[in-house]
Amino acid sequence: MRHRLSGNDFVALLSGGLDSYVAVKMAAPKMKFRLAITFDYGQRAAKKEIDTAARIASEFKAEHKIIEIGWMRDETRTALVDLQKKIPATDAMRVDAKAAKNAAAVWVPNRNGVFISIAAAFAEARGIGSVITGFNAEEAKTFPDNSEKFIKASNLALSMSRMSGVRLLSPTSKMTKTEIANNFCDLKLDPEKLWC
């Protein structure tokens, strides 16, 4: 038996970066932003992400939860959490061996899968119909868990792992970084709310 969910509200995975901010702003006119979740897995930018996400959640009067998942930090050797490793410079327009090598240097195993599962659990428990993410088309070229295909696969998995119809949406998933930045300007969002 499926629980009734509101199709008019959402939980957002909010890092405080450009993509997630724009995704939330795009979703907000159609749905009520109820809960922002920011994960702390020991990433270098955790404090900035948490502080910025809190400001964005406050703008929308959404509750903000910080979820610590230290085991993810302990289990990965990625440059995102290992301060001894240098984060490689990337060029999102190049999909070649170098881009794949750079992606491998910052890859956190199943990070988005973990994030989405946790957010979907909160959504179902609270009767919220959607989880919003800020994926983009450029990162999807080297990070498959940012892709349209991943969204579809996640929604199939969610349909079988929940008693309700929680769905994953990403308003920015077909957009390039430039398009997202242009959208940011068109929406007249506050750059002071972002971290860089």
C-alpha atoms as a PDB file:
ATOM      1  CA  MET A   1       0.000   0.000   0.000  1.00  0.00           C
ATOM      2  CA  ARG A   2       1.407   3.377  -0.975  1.00  0.00           C
ATOM      3  CA  HIS A   3       1.310   6.352   1.353  1.00  0.00           C
ATOM      4  CA  ARG A   4      -0.190   9.577   0.085  1.00  0.00           C
ATOM      5  CA  LEU A   5       2.423  12.181  -0.768  1.00  0.00           C
ATOM      6  CA  SER A   6       2.156  15.802  -1.639  1.00  0.00           C
ATOM      7  CA  GLY A   7       3.247  16.312  -5.231  1.00  0.00           C
ATOM      8  CA  ASN A   8       3.590  20.003  -4.477  1.00  0.00           C
ATOM      9  CA  ASP A   9       6.589  20.028  -2.165  1.00  0.00           C
ATOM     10  CA  PHE A  10      10.198  18.923  -2.146  1.00  0.00           C
ATOM     11  CA  VAL A  11      13.351  18.087  -0.263  1.00  0.00           C
ATOM     12  CA  ALA A  12      16.496  19.588  -1.822  1.00  0.00           C
ATOM     13  CA  LEU A  13      20.048  18.305  -1.803  1.00  0.00           C
ATOM     14  CA  LEU A  14      21.668  21.669  -1.187  1.00  0.00           C
ATOM     15  CA  SER A  15      25.415  22.246  -1.353  1.00  0.00           C
ATOM     16  CA  GLY A  16      25.179  26.007  -1.554  1.00  0.00           C
ATOM     17  CA  GLY A  17      26.740  26.000  -5.014  1.00  0.00           C
ATOM     18  CA  LEU A  18      25.422  27.501  -8.237  1.00  0.00           C
ATOM     19  CA  ASP A  19      23.718  24.349  -9.567  1.00  0.00           C
ATOM     20  CA  SER A  20      21.754  23.454  -6.447  1.00  0.00           C
ATOM     21  CA  TYR A  21      20.724  27.082  -5.830  1.00  0.00           C
ATOM     22  CA  VAL A  22      19.383  27.486  -9.367  1.00  0.00           C
ATOM     23  CA  ALA A  23      17.645  24.078  -9.228  1.00  0.00           C
ATOM     24  CA  VAL A  24      15.837  25.095  -6.031  1.00  0.00           C
ATOM     25  CA  LYS A  25      14.870  28.482  -7.473  1.00  0.00           C
ATOM     26  CA  MET A  26      13.516  26.812 -10.626  1.00  0.00           C
ATOM     27  CA  ALA A  27      11.459  24.317  -8.611  1.00  0.00           C
ATOM     28  CA  ALA A  28      10.167  26.773  -5.981  1.00  0.00           C
ATOM     29  CA  PRO A  29       7.485  28.536  -8.090  1.00  0.00           C
ATOM     30  CA  LYS A  30       5.768  25.185  -8.705  1.00  0.00           C
ATOM     31  CA  MET A  31       6.417  23.381  -5.430  1.00  0.00           C
ATOM     32  CA  LYS A  32       6.935  24.212  -1.766  1.00  0.00           C
ATOM     33  CA  PHE A  33      10.547  23.909  -0.583  1.00  0.00           C
ATOM     34  CA  ARG A  34      10.161  22.128   2.757  1.00  0.00           C
ATOM     35  CA  LEU A  35      13.547  20.676   3.664  1.00  0.00           C
ATOM     36  CA  ALA A  36      17.162  21.287   2.620  1.00  0.00           C
ATOM     37  CA  ILE A  37      19.726  18.583   3.322  1.00  0.00           C
ATOM     38  CA  THR A  38      23.450  19.284   3.289  1.00  0.00           C
ATOM     39  CA  PHE A  39      25.882  16.423   3.793  1.00  0.00           C
ATOM     40  CA  ASP A  40      29.154  16.611   5.665  1.00  0.00           C
ATOM     41  CA  TYR A  41      31.343  13.717   4.593  1.00  0.00           C
ATOM     42  CA  GLY A  42      34.608  15.407   5.474  1.00  0.00           C
ATOM     43  CA  GLN A  43      34.849  17.314   2.194  1.00  0.00           C
ATOM     44  CA  ARG A  44      37.201  20.312   2.080  1.00  0.00           C
ATOM     45  CA  ALA A  45      34.353  22.741   1.489  1.00  0.00           C
ATOM     46  CA  ALA A  46      32.003  21.330   4.164  1.00  0.00           C
ATOM     47  CA  LYS A  47      31.874  24.452   6.332  1.00  0.00           C
ATOM     48  CA  LYS A  48      31.315  26.775   3.357  1.00  0.00           C
ATOM     49  CA  GLU A  49      28.663  24.435   1.932  1.00  0.00           C
ATOM     50  CA  ILE A  50      26.819  24.218   5.250  1.00  0.00           C
ATOM     51  CA  ASP A  51      26.897  27.974   5.911  1.00  0.00           C
ATOM     52  CA  THR A  52      25.810  28.869   2.380  1.00  0.00           C
ATOM     53  CA  ALA A  53      23.097  26.207   2.222  1.00  0.00           C
ATOM     54  CA  ALA A  54      21.711  27.481   5.537  1.00  0.00           C
ATOM     55  CA  ARG A  55      21.391  30.999   4.081  1.00  0.00           C
ATOM     56  CA  ILE A  56      19.642  29.688   0.965  1.00  0.00           C
ATOM     57  CA  ALA A  57      17.253  27.510   2.990  1.00  0.00           C
ATOM     58  CA  SER A  58      16.444  30.526   5.163  1.00  0.00           C
ATOM     59  CA  GLU A  59      15.632  32.583   2.061  1.00  0.00           C
ATOM     60  CA  PHE A  60      12.929  30.031   1.205  1.00  0.00           C
ATOM     61  CA  LYS A  61      11.901  29.489   4.854  1.00  0.00           C
ATOM     62  CA  ALA A  62      12.814  25.808   4.495  1.00  0.00           C
ATOM     63  CA  GLU A  63      14.138  23.676   7.323  1.00  0.00           C
ATOM     64  CA  HIS A  64      17.850  22.907   6.975  1.00  0.00           C
ATOM     65  CA  LYS A  65      19.378  19.615   8.116  1.00  0.00           C
ATOM     66  CA  ILE A  66      23.081  18.806   8.190  1.00  0.00           C
ATOM     67  CA  ILE A  67      23.774  15.106   7.974  1.00  0.00           C
ATOM     68  CA  GLU A  68      27.215  13.883   8.908  1.00  0.00           C
ATOM     69  CA  ILE A  69      28.388  10.746   7.164  1.00  0.00           C
ATOM     70  CA  GLY A  70      31.927  10.397   8.407  1.00  0.00           C
ATOM     71  CA  TRP A  71      32.170   6.809   7.244  1.00  0.00           C
ATOM     72  CA  MET A  72      32.207   8.105   3.656  1.00  0.00           C
ATOM     73  CA  ARG A  73      35.282  10.200   4.469  1.00  0.00           C
ATOM     74  CA  ASP A  74      36.933   7.197   6.109  1.00  0.00           C
ATOM     75  CA  GLU A  75      36.249   4.880   3.178  1.00  0.00           C
ATOM     76  CA  THR A  76      37.398   7.068   0.314  1.00  0.00           C
ATOM     77  CA  ARG A  77      40.820   8.380  -0.631  1.00  0.00           C
ATOM     78  CA  THR A  78      39.486  11.088  -2.917  1.00  0.00           C
ATOM     79  CA  ALA A  79      41.153  14.483  -3.171  1.00  0.00           C
ATOM     80  CA  LEU A  80      37.888  16.025  -1.984  1.00  0.00           C
ATOM     81  CA  VAL A  81      38.564  14.756   1.542  1.00  0.00           C
ATOM     82  CA  ASP A  82      42.285  13.935   1.587  1.00  0.00           C
ATOM     83  CA  LEU A  83      44.136  17.191   2.197  1.00  0.00           C
ATOM     84  CA  GLN A  84      47.416  15.592   1.129  1.00  0.00           C
ATOM     85  CA  LYS A  85      46.118  15.257  -2.425  1.00  0.00           C
ATOM     86  CA  LYS A  86      45.802  18.101  -4.900  1.00  0.00           C
ATOM     87  CA  ILE A  87      42.458  18.666  -6.593  1.00  0.00           C
ATOM     88  CA  PRO A  88      43.138  18.645 -10.342  1.00  0.00           C
ATOM     89  CA  ALA A  89      42.135  21.537 -12.562  1.00  0.00           C
ATOM     90  CA  THR A  90      39.288  20.530 -14.837  1.00  0.00           C
ATOM     91  CA  ASP A  91      37.869  21.597 -18.154  1.00  0.00           C
ATOM     92  CA  ALA A  92      34.226  20.537 -18.317  1.00  0.00           C
ATOM     93  CA  MET A  93      34.226  20.837 -22.115  1.00  0.00           C
ATOM     94  CA  ARG A  94      36.907  18.163 -22.577  1.00  0.00           C
ATOM     95  CA  VAL A  95      35.780  14.567 -22.365  1.00  0.00           C
ATOM     96  CA  ASP A  96      39.016  12.698 -22.840  1.00  0.00           C
ATOM     97  CA  ALA A  97      41.562  10.652 -20.913  1.00  0.00           C
ATOM     98  CA  LYS A  98      42.643  13.657 -18.839  1.00  0.00           C
ATOM     99  CA  ALA A  99      39.044  14.457 -17.884  1.00  0.00           C
ATOM    100  CA  ALA A 100      38.513  10.833 -16.862  1.00  0.00           C
ATOM    101  CA  LYS A 101      41.698  10.899 -14.780  1.00  0.00           C
ATOM    102  CA  ASN A 102      40.630  14.148 -13.096  1.00  0.00           C
ATOM    103  CA  ALA A 103      37.198  12.696 -12.367  1.00  0.00           C
ATOM    104  CA  ALA A 104      38.777   9.615 -10.789  1.00  0.00           C
ATOM    105  CA  ALA A 105      40.845  11.845  -8.487  1.00  0.00           C
ATOM    106  CA  VAL A 106      37.713  13.381  -6.939  1.00  0.00           C
ATOM    107  CA  TRP A 107      35.285  10.465  -7.252  1.00  0.00           C
ATOM    108  CA  VAL A 108      33.480   9.535  -4.025  1.00  0.00           C
ATOM    109  CA  PRO A 109      31.987   6.039  -4.385  1.00  0.00           C
ATOM    110  CA  ASN A 110      28.200   6.135  -4.751  1.00  0.00           C
ATOM    111  CA  ARG A 111      28.016   9.610  -3.227  1.00  0.00           C
ATOM    112  CA  ASN A 112      24.932  10.753  -5.117  1.00  0.00           C
ATOM    113  CA  GLY A 113      23.285   7.368  -4.661  1.00  0.00           C
ATOM    114  CA  VAL A 114      23.752   7.642  -0.885  1.00  0.00           C
ATOM    115  CA  PHE A 115      22.584  11.263  -0.805  1.00  0.00           C
ATOM    116  CA  ILE A 116      19.456  10.531  -2.837  1.00  0.00           C
ATOM    117  CA  SER A 117      18.511   7.484  -0.773  1.00  0.00           C
ATOM    118  CA  ILE A 118      18.774   9.442   2.474  1.00  0.00           C
ATOM    119  CA  ALA A 119      16.836  12.407   1.062  1.00  0.00           C
ATOM    120  CA  ALA A 120      14.131  10.089  -0.286  1.00  0.00           C
ATOM    121  CA  ALA A 121      13.785   8.470   3.140  1.00  0.00           C
ATOM    122  CA  PHE A 122      13.219  11.901   4.717  1.00  0.00           C
ATOM    123  CA  ALA A 123      10.769  12.795   1.935  1.00  0.00           C
ATOM    124  CA  GLU A 124       8.708   9.661   2.396  1.00  0.00           C
ATOM    125  CA  ALA A 125       8.683   9.955   6.194  1.00  0.00           C
ATOM    126  CA  ARG A 126       7.380  13.520   5.916  1.00  0.00           C
ATOM    127  CA  GLY A 127       4.923  12.950   3.085  1.00  0.00           C
ATOM    128  CA  ILE A 128       6.983  15.002   0.621  1.00  0.00           C
ATOM    129  CA  GLY A 129       6.737  14.006  -3.035  1.00  0.00           C
ATOM    130  CA  SER A 130      10.048  15.025  -4.615  1.00  0.00           C
ATOM    131  CA  VAL A 131      13.797  15.264  -4.124  1.00  0.00           C
ATOM    132  CA  ILE A 132      15.461  18.084  -6.068  1.00  0.00           C
ATOM    133  CA  THR A 133      19.105  17.976  -7.150  1.00  0.00           C
ATOM    134  CA  GLY A 134      21.324  20.365  -9.105  1.00  0.00           C
ATOM    135  CA  PHE A 135      22.923  18.100 -11.708  1.00  0.00           C
ATOM    136  CA  ASN A 136      24.252  19.540 -14.969  1.00  0.00           C
ATOM    137  CA  ALA A 137      24.938  18.255 -18.475  1.00  0.00           C
ATOM    138  CA  GLU A 138      28.678  19.004 -18.460  1.00  0.00           C
ATOM    139  CA  GLU A 139      29.485  17.077 -15.291  1.00  0.00           C
ATOM    140  CA  ALA A 140      27.320  14.218 -16.538  1.00  0.00           C
ATOM    141  CA  LYS A 141      29.898  13.622 -19.283  1.00  0.00           C
ATOM    142  CA  THR A 142      32.494  12.456 -16.749  1.00  0.00           C
ATOM    143  CA  PHE A 143      30.348  11.749 -13.673  1.00  0.00           C
ATOM    144  CA  PRO A 144      27.613   9.267 -14.645  1.00  0.00           C
ATOM    145  CA  ASP A 145      25.763   9.881 -11.371  1.00  0.00           C
ATOM    146  CA  ASN A 146      24.931  13.396 -12.626  1.00  0.00           C
ATOM    147  CA  SER A 147      23.249  12.198 -15.800  1.00  0.00           C
ATOM    148  CA  GLU A 148      19.681  11.943 -17.076  1.00  0.00           C
ATOM    149  CA  LYS A 149      20.214   8.191 -17.268  1.00  0.00           C
ATOM    150  CA  PHE A 150      21.104   8.133 -13.561  1.00  0.00           C
ATOM    151  CA  ILE A 151      17.965  10.127 -12.702  1.00  0.00           C
ATOM    152  CA  LYS A 152      15.804   7.613 -14.584  1.00  0.00           C
ATOM    153  CA  ALA A 153      17.553   4.666 -12.943  1.00  0.00           C
ATOM    154  CA  SER A 154      17.223   6.293  -9.518  1.00  0.00           C
ATOM    155  CA  ASN A 155      13.507   6.839 -10.030  1.00  0.00           C
ATOM    156  CA  LEU A 156      13.088   3.198 -11.001  1.00  0.00           C
ATOM    157  CA  ALA A 157      14.969   2.148  -7.859  1.00  0.00           C
ATOM    158  CA  LEU A 158      12.939   4.573  -5.708  1.00  0.00           C
ATOM    159  CA  SER A 159       9.697   3.145  -7.069  1.00  0.00           C
ATOM    160  CA  MET A 160      10.726  -0.222  -5.643  1.00  0.00           C
ATOM    161  CA  SER A 161      12.456   0.847  -2.443  1.00  0.00           C
ATOM    162  CA  ARG A 162       9.722   3.087  -1.051  1.00  0.00           C
ATOM    163  CA  MET A 163       6.092   2.525  -0.204  1.00  0.00           C
ATOM    164  CA  SER A 164       5.349   5.907  -1.702  1.00  0.00           C
ATOM    165  CA  GLY A 165       6.046   7.570  -5.008  1.00  0.00           C
ATOM    166  CA  VAL A 166       8.994   9.785  -4.060  1.00  0.00           C
ATOM    167  CA  ARG A 167      10.645  10.953  -7.271  1.00  0.00           C
ATOM    168  CA  LEU A 168      14.000  12.498  -8.110  1.00  0.00           C
ATOM    169  CA  LEU A 169      13.981  15.684 -10.203  1.00  0.00           C
ATOM    170  CA  SER A 170      16.790  17.893 -11.457  1.00  0.00           C
ATOM    171  CA  PRO A 171      15.625  21.072 -13.214  1.00  0.00           C
ATOM    172  CA  THR A 172      19.211  21.832 -14.289  1.00  0.00           C
ATOM    173  CA  SER A 173      20.220  18.392 -15.588  1.00  0.00           C
ATOM    174  CA  LYS A 174      20.033  19.286 -19.295  1.00  0.00           C
ATOM    175  CA  MET A 175      21.782  22.629 -18.846  1.00  0.00           C
ATOM    176  CA  THR A 176      25.451  23.533 -19.260  1.00  0.00           C
ATOM    177  CA  LYS A 177      27.255  25.534 -16.579  1.00  0.00           C
ATOM    178  CA  THR A 178      26.974  28.622 -18.783  1.00  0.00           C
ATOM    179  CA  GLU A 179      23.219  28.127 -19.134  1.00  0.00           C
ATOM    180  CA  ILE A 180      22.897  27.656 -15.373  1.00  0.00           C
ATOM    181  CA  ALA A 181      24.913  30.835 -14.770  1.00  0.00           C
ATOM    182  CA  ASN A 182      22.712  32.726 -17.251  1.00  0.00           C
ATOM    183  CA  ASN A 183      19.638  31.366 -15.500  1.00  0.00           C
ATOM    184  CA  PHE A 184      21.114  32.541 -12.187  1.00  0.00           C
ATOM    185  CA  CYS A 185      21.316  36.076 -13.599  1.00  0.00           C
ATOM    186  CA  ASP A 186      17.840  35.891 -15.177  1.00  0.00           C
ATOM    187  CA  LEU A 187      16.358  34.783 -11.844  1.00  0.00           C
ATOM    188  CA  LYS A 188      18.122  37.732 -10.144  1.00  0.00           C
ATOM    189  CA  LEU A 189      19.615  35.484  -7.488  1.00  0.00           C
ATOM    190  CA  ASP A 190      21.971  36.876  -4.883  1.00  0.00           C
ATOM    191  CA  PRO A 191      25.624  35.986  -5.619  1.00  0.00           C
ATOM    192  CA  GLU A 192      26.458  36.710  -1.975  1.00  0.00           C
ATOM    193  CA  LYS A 193      24.544  33.554  -1.067  1.00  0.00           C
ATOM    194  CA  LEU A 194      26.927  31.342  -3.070  1.00  0.00           C
ATOM    195  CA  TRP A 195      30.307  30.026  -2.074  1.00  0.00           C
ATOM    196  CA  CYS A 196      33.179  29.813  -4.577  1.00  0.00           C
END
